[in-house]
Amino acid sequence: MSTPTMHGGLTRRQTGTSAHVLGVGFNYFPSLPADIYHRRLMDFVEVTPETMCNEQSTSDGTIEVLIREQLDRARTICGEMPMVVHGVQLSIGSAHGWNSAYLAILDQLQQLWPFQWHSEHLSFQTYEDTDGSVAQTGTPLPLPLTEEAACLVADRGAQLLHRYGVPFLLENPAHYLTDLPREPGVPDECALMNRITLLSGCGQLLDLHNLYCNAINHGFDAFEVVEHFALERVVEIHVAGGHWESGYWTDAHDRGVPETVWELLDYTLPRCKHVAGVVFELLEPHAVRIGVDEIARNLQRARDIWLRHCPDARDT
């Protein structure tokens, strides 16, 4: 490994993209039939730890604890398939600090069911209110396009690489805001992501449906913009579906993948030389609603594209 170089007090690392190549994955949902989770349909599962937790009171306050029965059932159902983590509550971009309770959950999970890599959204969900309390935004919000924001998240990303010793990935978010605050050195969201991954050594989870949402809602060409990401740092790709609501295309994760997103995957996948997996994303209620056949159809479409570009990539 080359000698690290310093940028603004942070060490530039070239780690964080060395992941075992897995193939095509899907979310673990306990409400789906257990027999959907097999190697003929998917190569790995993606778990959101917050969905398997409850609150417990201690002398030091309230903490989140993994529910062992749910975790053990998930491991039994998923068998020997590799597992990766996709979190939703870290709030890595909050200026006042991230969610340490989520990290405590991740610490527990790593001991009980080790993950191949883990990921989070490049966004923030909490802020410090005028009285000093922590308040919720109500929805994940994008970061300002500034060097300060890049350095803040890069430092936290580097800490996560060191803490767990496996790749940590940041996901490009879908959002519905225009004219984000920006600096000349960070002209767009691709530049912000690229700056963070350069400084921290972490990888990227490239969500193509999020990119598709933003392209529709903010008026740009997704195929042109995807070329601006540091694609050599992409470890995982997400595809999903959504719908129109109040004049916006929403990242609802409520149906199959739109044809343009499949085309984006076909275009982007061969350009990501360190990609290790593609995940078809749904939210649990919608997964139950659309059913196993539709899930299988989308997973097979993802596998067809994967095998077209990565026929010999899967590690055994």
Protein backbone atom coordinates (compact mmCIF):
# COMPACT_ATOMS: atom_id res chain seq x y z
CA MET A 1 0.00 0.00 0.00
CA SER A 2 1.30 3.48 -0.80
CA THR A 3 2.24 5.90 1.95
CA PRO A 4 -0.80 7.92 3.11
CA THR A 5 -0.83 11.63 2.28
CA MET A 6 -2.53 14.32 4.31
CA HIS A 7 -5.37 16.56 3.14
CA GLY A 8 -6.75 19.13 5.58
CA GLY A 9 -5.78 17.08 8.62
CA LEU A 10 -7.26 13.87 7.20
CA THR A 11 -5.32 10.89 5.94
CA ARG A 12 -6.00 9.95 2.33
CA ARG A 13 -6.55 6.20 2.26
CA GLN A 14 -6.83 3.87 -0.70
CA THR A 15 -8.69 1.20 1.30
CA GLY A 16 -12.42 0.74 1.59
CA THR A 17 -13.16 -0.71 -1.85
CA SER A 18 -11.63 -4.17 -1.32
CA ALA A 19 -14.78 -6.26 -0.98
CA HIS A 20 -15.43 -9.88 -1.90
CA VAL A 21 -17.48 -9.92 -5.08
CA LEU A 22 -20.92 -11.32 -4.23
CA GLY A 23 -23.33 -10.83 -7.14
CA VAL A 24 -27.03 -9.95 -6.83
CA GLY A 25 -28.65 -9.25 -3.46
CA PHE A 26 -31.99 -8.47 -1.87
CA ASN A 27 -33.28 -7.06 1.43
CA TYR A 28 -34.07 -9.41 4.29
CA PHE A 29 -37.72 -9.10 5.36
CA PRO A 30 -39.19 -11.44 8.01
CA SER A 31 -42.70 -11.06 6.58
CA LEU A 32 -41.74 -12.66 3.25
CA PRO A 33 -41.82 -16.45 2.80
CA ALA A 34 -38.60 -17.90 4.18
CA ASP A 35 -38.01 -20.03 1.11
CA ILE A 36 -37.38 -16.94 -1.05
CA TYR A 37 -33.93 -16.64 0.53
CA HIS A 38 -31.91 -19.15 -1.43
CA ARG A 39 -28.86 -19.11 -3.69
CA ARG A 40 -30.84 -19.78 -6.88
CA LEU A 41 -32.56 -16.40 -6.51
CA MET A 42 -29.94 -14.22 -4.81
CA ASP A 43 -26.28 -14.34 -3.79
CA PHE A 44 -26.43 -12.27 -0.60
CA VAL A 45 -28.81 -10.40 1.68
CA GLU A 46 -28.87 -6.78 2.79
CA VAL A 47 -29.96 -6.12 6.37
CA THR A 48 -31.11 -2.90 8.06
CA PRO A 49 -30.18 -3.43 11.74
CA GLU A 50 -32.61 -0.85 13.10
CA THR A 51 -35.52 -3.08 12.10
CA MET A 52 -34.43 -5.78 14.56
CA CYS A 53 -34.07 -3.64 17.70
CA ASN A 54 -36.02 -2.48 20.69
CA GLU A 55 -35.41 0.04 23.44
CA GLN A 56 -34.23 -1.00 26.88
CA SER A 57 -33.88 1.18 29.97
CA THR A 58 -30.59 1.11 31.86
CA SER A 59 -29.10 3.09 34.71
CA ASP A 60 -27.43 5.30 32.09
CA GLY A 61 -30.61 5.90 30.11
CA THR A 62 -32.40 4.26 27.17
CA ILE A 63 -30.43 2.17 24.70
CA GLU A 64 -31.23 0.24 21.52
CA VAL A 65 -30.60 -3.51 21.71
CA LEU A 66 -30.78 -6.15 19.00
CA ILE A 67 -33.61 -8.64 19.49
CA ARG A 68 -31.75 -11.94 19.51
CA GLU A 69 -34.76 -14.03 18.50
CA GLN A 70 -35.28 -11.94 15.36
CA LEU A 71 -31.58 -11.96 14.56
CA ASP A 72 -31.29 -15.73 15.05
CA ARG A 73 -34.32 -16.29 12.82
CA ALA A 74 -32.82 -14.08 10.10
CA ARG A 75 -29.54 -16.02 10.20
CA THR A 76 -31.39 -19.33 10.02
CA ILE A 77 -33.53 -18.23 7.07
CA CYS A 78 -30.64 -16.71 5.14
CA GLY A 79 -28.47 -19.75 5.72
CA GLU A 80 -24.89 -19.41 4.58
CA MET A 81 -25.46 -16.44 2.29
CA PRO A 82 -23.16 -13.46 2.93
CA MET A 83 -24.74 -10.44 4.61
CA VAL A 84 -24.17 -6.70 4.15
CA VAL A 85 -25.61 -3.85 6.21
CA HIS A 86 -27.52 -0.83 4.94
CA GLY A 87 -28.30 1.61 7.75
CA VAL A 88 -30.80 4.46 7.77
CA GLN A 89 -30.31 6.20 11.13
CA LEU A 90 -26.63 7.09 11.48
CA SER A 91 -27.17 10.68 10.26
CA ILE A 92 -23.52 10.90 9.30
CA GLY A 93 -23.81 14.50 8.10
CA SER A 94 -25.32 16.09 11.22
CA ALA A 95 -23.13 19.00 12.32
CA HIS A 96 -23.66 18.39 16.06
CA GLY A 97 -22.69 14.69 15.87
CA TRP A 98 -23.85 11.39 14.50
CA ASN A 99 -26.16 8.81 16.07
CA SER A 100 -23.97 6.89 18.52
CA ALA A 101 -26.91 4.60 19.40
CA TYR A 102 -26.82 3.24 15.86
CA LEU A 103 -23.12 2.47 16.19
CA ALA A 104 -23.83 0.52 19.38
CA ILE A 105 -26.32 -1.59 17.38
CA LEU A 106 -23.72 -2.13 14.67
CA ASP A 107 -21.14 -3.17 17.28
CA GLN A 108 -23.55 -5.85 18.52
CA LEU A 109 -24.35 -7.05 15.02
CA GLN A 110 -20.72 -7.37 14.01
CA GLN A 111 -20.13 -9.71 16.94
CA LEU A 112 -23.22 -11.84 16.28
CA TRP A 113 -23.48 -11.84 12.46
CA PRO A 114 -20.38 -10.35 10.78
CA PHE A 115 -21.09 -8.25 7.70
CA GLN A 116 -19.08 -8.03 4.48
CA TRP A 117 -19.47 -4.26 4.27
CA HIS A 118 -21.87 -1.60 5.54
CA SER A 119 -23.37 1.56 4.08
CA GLU A 120 -25.27 4.71 4.96
CA HIS A 121 -26.90 7.63 3.18
CA LEU A 122 -24.90 10.80 2.60
CA SER A 123 -27.42 12.97 4.43
CA PHE A 124 -28.50 14.21 7.85
CA GLN A 125 -31.66 13.55 9.84
CA THR A 126 -31.02 15.44 13.10
CA TYR A 127 -29.90 18.93 14.09
CA GLU A 128 -29.24 20.83 17.28
CA ASP A 129 -32.22 23.00 18.21
CA THR A 130 -31.94 26.47 19.74
CA ASP A 131 -32.33 25.03 23.25
CA GLY A 132 -29.47 22.58 22.71
CA SER A 133 -31.71 19.53 22.24
CA VAL A 134 -31.45 17.21 19.25
CA ALA A 135 -34.37 17.54 16.85
CA GLN A 136 -35.46 15.36 13.91
CA THR A 137 -35.72 16.75 10.38
CA GLY A 138 -38.54 14.33 9.53
CA THR A 139 -36.80 13.13 6.37
CA PRO A 140 -33.15 12.70 5.35
CA LEU A 141 -31.79 15.97 3.94
CA PRO A 142 -28.82 16.53 1.59
CA LEU A 143 -25.63 18.22 2.77
CA PRO A 144 -24.41 21.64 1.67
CA LEU A 145 -21.83 21.41 -1.12
CA THR A 146 -18.89 22.71 0.92
CA GLU A 147 -15.40 21.62 1.88
CA GLU A 148 -16.42 21.79 5.54
CA ALA A 149 -19.19 19.23 4.98
CA ALA A 150 -16.84 17.01 2.98
CA CYS A 151 -14.20 17.03 5.73
CA LEU A 152 -16.77 16.39 8.47
CA VAL A 153 -18.15 13.29 6.76
CA ALA A 154 -14.74 12.10 5.56
CA ASP A 155 -13.40 12.09 9.11
CA ARG A 156 -16.39 10.04 10.29
CA GLY A 157 -16.09 7.67 7.35
CA ALA A 158 -12.43 7.06 8.16
CA GLN A 159 -13.40 6.30 11.77
CA LEU A 160 -15.90 3.70 10.57
CA LEU A 161 -13.31 2.01 8.37
CA HIS A 162 -11.02 1.71 11.37
CA ARG A 163 -13.79 0.66 13.76
CA TYR A 164 -15.11 -2.30 11.78
CA GLY A 165 -12.27 -3.23 9.45
CA VAL A 166 -14.57 -3.75 6.44
CA PRO A 167 -15.54 -1.37 3.61
CA PHE A 168 -17.85 1.50 4.51
CA LEU A 169 -19.94 2.96 1.69
CA LEU A 170 -21.85 6.22 1.30
CA GLU A 171 -25.01 6.33 -0.79
CA ASN A 172 -25.86 9.24 -3.07
CA PRO A 173 -29.27 10.48 -1.84
CA ALA A 174 -32.48 11.33 -3.63
CA HIS A 175 -33.81 14.73 -2.58
CA TYR A 176 -36.33 17.34 -3.63
CA LEU A 177 -34.44 20.58 -2.86
CA THR A 178 -33.00 23.00 -5.40
CA ASP A 179 -30.12 25.48 -5.06
CA LEU A 180 -28.20 23.75 -2.28
CA PRO A 181 -25.57 25.97 -0.60
CA ARG A 182 -22.30 25.44 -2.43
CA GLU A 183 -18.71 26.59 -2.76
CA PRO A 184 -16.79 26.99 -6.04
CA GLY A 185 -14.55 24.03 -5.18
CA VAL A 186 -17.56 21.71 -4.68
CA PRO A 187 -19.79 22.51 -7.65
CA ASP A 188 -22.22 19.58 -7.42
CA GLU A 189 -23.20 16.49 -5.47
CA CYS A 190 -20.88 14.25 -7.47
CA ALA A 191 -17.96 16.46 -6.47
CA LEU A 192 -19.00 16.30 -2.81
CA MET A 193 -19.19 12.49 -2.87
CA ASN A 194 -15.89 12.21 -4.72
CA ARG A 195 -14.16 14.54 -2.27
CA ILE A 196 -15.40 12.55 0.74
CA THR A 197 -14.39 9.18 -0.67
CA LEU A 198 -10.96 10.55 -1.65
CA LEU A 199 -10.26 11.92 1.83
CA SER A 200 -11.74 9.09 3.85
CA GLY A 201 -10.85 6.01 1.83
CA CYS A 202 -14.46 4.81 1.99
CA GLY A 203 -16.35 3.53 -1.03
CA GLN A 204 -19.63 4.48 -2.63
CA LEU A 205 -23.00 2.81 -2.83
CA LEU A 206 -24.25 4.14 -6.16
CA ASP A 207 -28.04 4.24 -6.04
CA LEU A 208 -29.18 4.48 -9.64
CA HIS A 209 -32.82 5.03 -8.76
CA ASN A 210 -31.84 7.98 -6.56
CA LEU A 211 -29.86 9.37 -9.50
CA TYR A 212 -32.87 8.78 -11.76
CA CYS A 213 -35.16 10.61 -9.28
CA ASN A 214 -32.86 13.61 -9.11
CA ALA A 215 -32.46 13.66 -12.90
CA ILE A 216 -36.23 13.85 -13.37
CA ASN A 217 -36.89 16.30 -10.54
CA HIS A 218 -33.91 18.61 -11.15
CA GLY A 219 -33.65 18.37 -14.92
CA PHE A 220 -30.38 16.71 -15.87
CA ASP A 221 -29.20 13.69 -17.87
CA ALA A 222 -28.52 10.76 -15.52
CA PHE A 223 -26.30 9.00 -18.08
CA GLU A 224 -24.09 12.07 -18.37
CA VAL A 225 -23.93 12.76 -14.62
CA VAL A 226 -23.13 9.18 -13.61
CA GLU A 227 -19.81 9.59 -15.45
CA HIS A 228 -18.87 12.36 -12.99
CA PHE A 229 -18.78 10.01 -9.99
CA ALA A 230 -15.51 8.33 -9.05
CA LEU A 231 -16.80 5.01 -10.38
CA GLU A 232 -13.66 3.17 -9.31
CA ARG A 233 -14.86 3.65 -5.72
CA VAL A 234 -18.30 2.07 -6.30
CA VAL A 235 -18.65 -1.20 -4.36
CA GLU A 236 -22.42 -1.64 -4.41
CA ILE A 237 -25.21 -0.51 -6.73
CA HIS A 238 -28.89 -0.14 -5.81
CA VAL A 239 -31.83 -0.33 -8.20
CA ALA A 240 -35.41 0.33 -7.13
CA GLY A 241 -38.74 1.78 -8.21
CA GLY A 242 -40.94 4.72 -7.28
CA HIS A 243 -43.95 6.75 -8.38
CA TRP A 244 -45.19 10.25 -9.12
CA GLU A 245 -46.49 12.28 -6.18
CA SER A 246 -47.25 16.03 -5.99
CA GLY A 247 -45.30 16.65 -9.18
CA TYR A 248 -42.15 14.75 -8.13
CA TRP A 249 -40.85 11.31 -8.95
CA THR A 250 -40.36 9.78 -5.50
CA ASP A 251 -37.85 7.25 -4.25
CA ALA A 252 -40.63 5.15 -2.77
CA HIS A 253 -39.15 1.62 -3.15
CA ASP A 254 -42.67 0.42 -3.82
CA ARG A 255 -42.53 -1.46 -7.13
CA GLY A 256 -40.33 -2.92 -9.84
CA VAL A 257 -37.43 -1.09 -11.45
CA PRO A 258 -38.25 1.41 -14.27
CA GLU A 259 -36.81 0.56 -17.68
CA THR A 260 -34.54 3.62 -17.70
CA VAL A 261 -32.94 2.49 -14.42
CA TRP A 262 -32.23 -0.93 -15.94
CA GLU A 263 -30.61 0.88 -18.87
CA LEU A 264 -28.56 2.92 -16.39
CA LEU A 265 -27.40 -0.28 -14.70
CA ASP A 266 -26.41 -1.81 -18.04
CA TYR A 267 -24.48 1.37 -18.86
CA THR A 268 -22.84 1.89 -15.47
CA LEU A 269 -21.94 -1.62 -14.27
CA PRO A 270 -19.03 -2.23 -16.67
CA ARG A 271 -17.55 1.15 -15.69
CA CYS A 272 -17.30 0.20 -11.98
CA LYS A 273 -14.16 -1.93 -11.80
CA HIS A 274 -14.45 -2.68 -8.05
CA VAL A 275 -18.20 -3.33 -7.88
CA ALA A 276 -19.06 -6.29 -5.64
CA GLY A 277 -22.85 -6.44 -5.72
CA VAL A 278 -26.15 -5.14 -7.10
CA VAL A 279 -29.20 -4.95 -4.80
CA PHE A 280 -32.84 -4.68 -5.81
CA GLU A 281 -34.41 -2.56 -3.08
CA LEU A 282 -37.96 -2.56 -1.73
CA LEU A 283 -39.61 -1.46 1.48
CA GLU A 284 -41.10 -4.35 3.42
CA PRO A 285 -44.84 -3.53 3.08
CA HIS A 286 -44.45 -3.15 -0.68
CA ALA A 287 -42.41 -6.35 -0.95
CA VAL A 288 -45.30 -8.24 0.64
CA ARG A 289 -47.81 -6.46 -1.62
CA ILE A 290 -46.10 -7.07 -4.96
CA GLY A 291 -45.25 -10.67 -4.08
CA VAL A 292 -42.54 -13.23 -4.70
CA ASP A 293 -43.02 -13.53 -8.47
CA GLU A 294 -42.42 -9.82 -9.09
CA ILE A 295 -39.43 -9.83 -6.74
CA ALA A 296 -37.98 -12.82 -8.58
CA ARG A 297 -38.53 -11.14 -11.95
CA ASN A 298 -36.54 -8.08 -10.90
CA LEU A 299 -33.77 -10.16 -9.33
CA GLN A 300 -33.46 -12.20 -12.51
CA ARG A 301 -33.25 -9.02 -14.61
CA ALA A 302 -30.49 -7.76 -12.31
CA ARG A 303 -28.68 -11.10 -12.61
CA ASP A 304 -28.90 -11.06 -16.41
CA ILE A 305 -27.20 -7.66 -16.50
CA TRP A 306 -24.66 -8.71 -13.85
CA LEU A 307 -23.66 -11.82 -15.78
CA ARG A 308 -23.40 -9.86 -19.01
CA HIS A 309 -20.72 -7.63 -17.51
CA CYS A 310 -19.27 -9.67 -14.63
CA PRO A 311 -19.53 -13.32 -15.72
CA ASP A 312 -16.43 -14.49 -13.85
CA ALA A 313 -16.44 -12.01 -10.98
CA ARG A 314 -18.15 -13.92 -8.19
CA ASP A 315 -15.79 -15.24 -5.51
CA THR A 316 -16.39 -18.76 -4.23
